[in-house]
Amino acid sequence: MFLVPALVVFLAKAKIVDKYDLSSLRAIKCGAAPLSEETETLVRERLGLELISQGYGLTETTLAVTGTPVSGNKTGSVGVLLPEVQCKVNNHFIRSKTRYD
């Protein structure tokens, strides 16, 4: 099942969820915003899920840029870069020095 974090929080905490049989639900894929490790653990335990995976994407990339592999899923992580995707990490809080400074 593909869900946004607000609905995963609802499944983890809302009392009404106990009134429904969700035993056929095995996995949740979550995107659109980060899902906290706490919420991920709560919903996994409450619903007895095998897997909760996260991904990251943005409109400019026309879809996802990272995904959580089925094997090696790490709670709280948005996964690894998808094939054919390159990434550059910048730290704008630390001024980098070059040999010209």
Protein backbone atom coordinates (compact mmCIF):
# COMPACT_ATOMS: atom_id res chain seq x y z
CA MET A 1 0.00 0.00 0.00
CA PHE A 2 1.35 3.44 -0.94
CA LEU A 3 0.69 6.12 1.69
CA VAL A 4 1.78 9.60 2.76
CA PRO A 5 3.21 9.99 6.29
CA ALA A 6 0.03 11.56 7.72
CA LEU A 7 -1.93 8.39 6.93
CA VAL A 8 0.80 6.18 8.38
CA VAL A 9 0.62 8.24 11.61
CA PHE A 10 -3.16 7.73 11.56
CA LEU A 11 -2.72 3.94 11.23
CA ALA A 12 -0.17 3.98 14.05
CA LYS A 13 -2.18 6.02 16.55
CA ALA A 14 -5.92 6.27 15.78
CA LYS A 15 -8.16 4.10 17.97
CA ILE A 16 -10.65 3.52 15.16
CA VAL A 17 -8.05 1.43 13.31
CA ASP A 18 -8.57 -1.34 15.89
CA LYS A 19 -12.14 -1.81 14.59
CA TYR A 20 -10.92 -3.02 11.17
CA ASP A 21 -9.25 -6.21 10.03
CA LEU A 22 -6.03 -5.11 8.34
CA SER A 23 -4.34 -8.51 8.65
CA SER A 24 -4.00 -8.85 4.87
CA LEU A 25 -1.78 -5.74 4.79
CA ARG A 26 1.85 -6.85 4.55
CA ALA A 27 3.81 -3.75 3.51
CA ILE A 28 3.57 0.01 3.28
CA LYS A 29 5.56 2.24 0.97
CA CYS A 30 5.71 5.82 2.17
CA GLY A 31 6.76 9.03 0.44
CA ALA A 32 6.07 12.76 0.07
CA ALA A 33 7.72 13.60 3.42
CA PRO A 34 10.00 11.89 5.94
CA LEU A 35 8.47 9.26 8.21
CA SER A 36 9.95 9.18 11.69
CA GLU A 37 11.57 6.04 12.99
CA GLU A 38 9.15 6.10 15.95
CA THR A 39 6.06 6.15 13.71
CA GLU A 40 7.51 3.48 11.45
CA THR A 41 8.10 1.20 14.43
CA LEU A 42 4.65 1.89 15.94
CA VAL A 43 2.72 1.06 12.77
CA ARG A 44 4.87 -1.99 12.00
CA GLU A 45 4.22 -3.45 15.46
CA ARG A 46 0.54 -2.46 15.59
CA LEU A 47 -0.35 -3.94 12.21
CA GLY A 48 2.21 -6.76 12.15
CA LEU A 49 3.76 -5.53 8.92
CA GLU A 50 6.63 -7.29 7.21
CA LEU A 51 7.99 -4.12 5.63
CA ILE A 52 7.70 -0.35 5.68
CA SER A 53 9.84 1.33 3.07
CA GLN A 54 10.37 4.97 2.25
CA GLY A 55 11.38 6.82 -0.86
CA TYR A 56 12.34 10.33 -1.80
CA GLY A 57 11.48 12.20 -4.93
CA LEU A 58 10.48 15.59 -6.22
CA THR A 59 8.55 17.09 -9.08
CA GLU A 60 11.72 18.20 -10.86
CA THR A 61 12.90 14.60 -11.16
CA THR A 62 9.48 13.41 -12.39
CA LEU A 63 9.40 10.72 -9.69
CA ALA A 64 11.57 9.07 -7.07
CA VAL A 65 15.32 9.44 -6.73
CA THR A 66 15.79 7.04 -3.81
CA GLY A 67 14.08 3.88 -2.66
CA THR A 68 14.38 1.38 0.14
CA PRO A 69 15.51 -2.04 -1.06
CA VAL A 70 13.47 -4.99 0.17
CA SER A 71 16.62 -6.59 1.54
CA GLY A 72 18.60 -4.37 3.84
CA ASN A 73 15.72 -2.10 4.86
CA LYS A 74 16.89 0.36 7.54
CA THR A 75 14.22 1.90 9.77
CA GLY A 76 14.00 5.66 9.30
CA SER A 77 15.92 5.68 6.02
CA VAL A 78 14.72 6.77 2.57
CA GLY A 79 16.98 4.15 1.02
CA VAL A 80 19.58 4.35 -1.69
CA LEU A 81 19.82 6.10 -5.03
CA LEU A 82 17.85 4.43 -7.79
CA PRO A 83 19.63 3.27 -10.96
CA GLU A 84 20.76 6.06 -13.30
CA VAL A 85 20.51 8.70 -10.53
CA GLN A 86 23.43 10.81 -9.36
CA CYS A 87 23.51 12.84 -6.17
CA LYS A 88 25.64 15.64 -4.78
CA VAL A 89 25.53 16.55 -1.09
CA ASN A 90 26.29 20.15 -0.16
CA ASN A 91 26.82 21.57 3.30
CA HIS A 92 25.95 25.26 3.10
CA PHE A 93 26.77 25.81 6.77
CA ILE A 94 30.49 25.11 6.39
CA ARG A 95 32.50 27.33 4.07
CA SER A 96 34.73 25.10 2.03
CA LYS A 97 38.31 26.16 1.43
CA THR A 98 39.90 25.91 -1.95
CA ARG A 99 43.52 26.31 -2.85
CA TYR A 100 42.67 29.81 -4.13
CA ASP A 101 41.47 31.14 -0.74
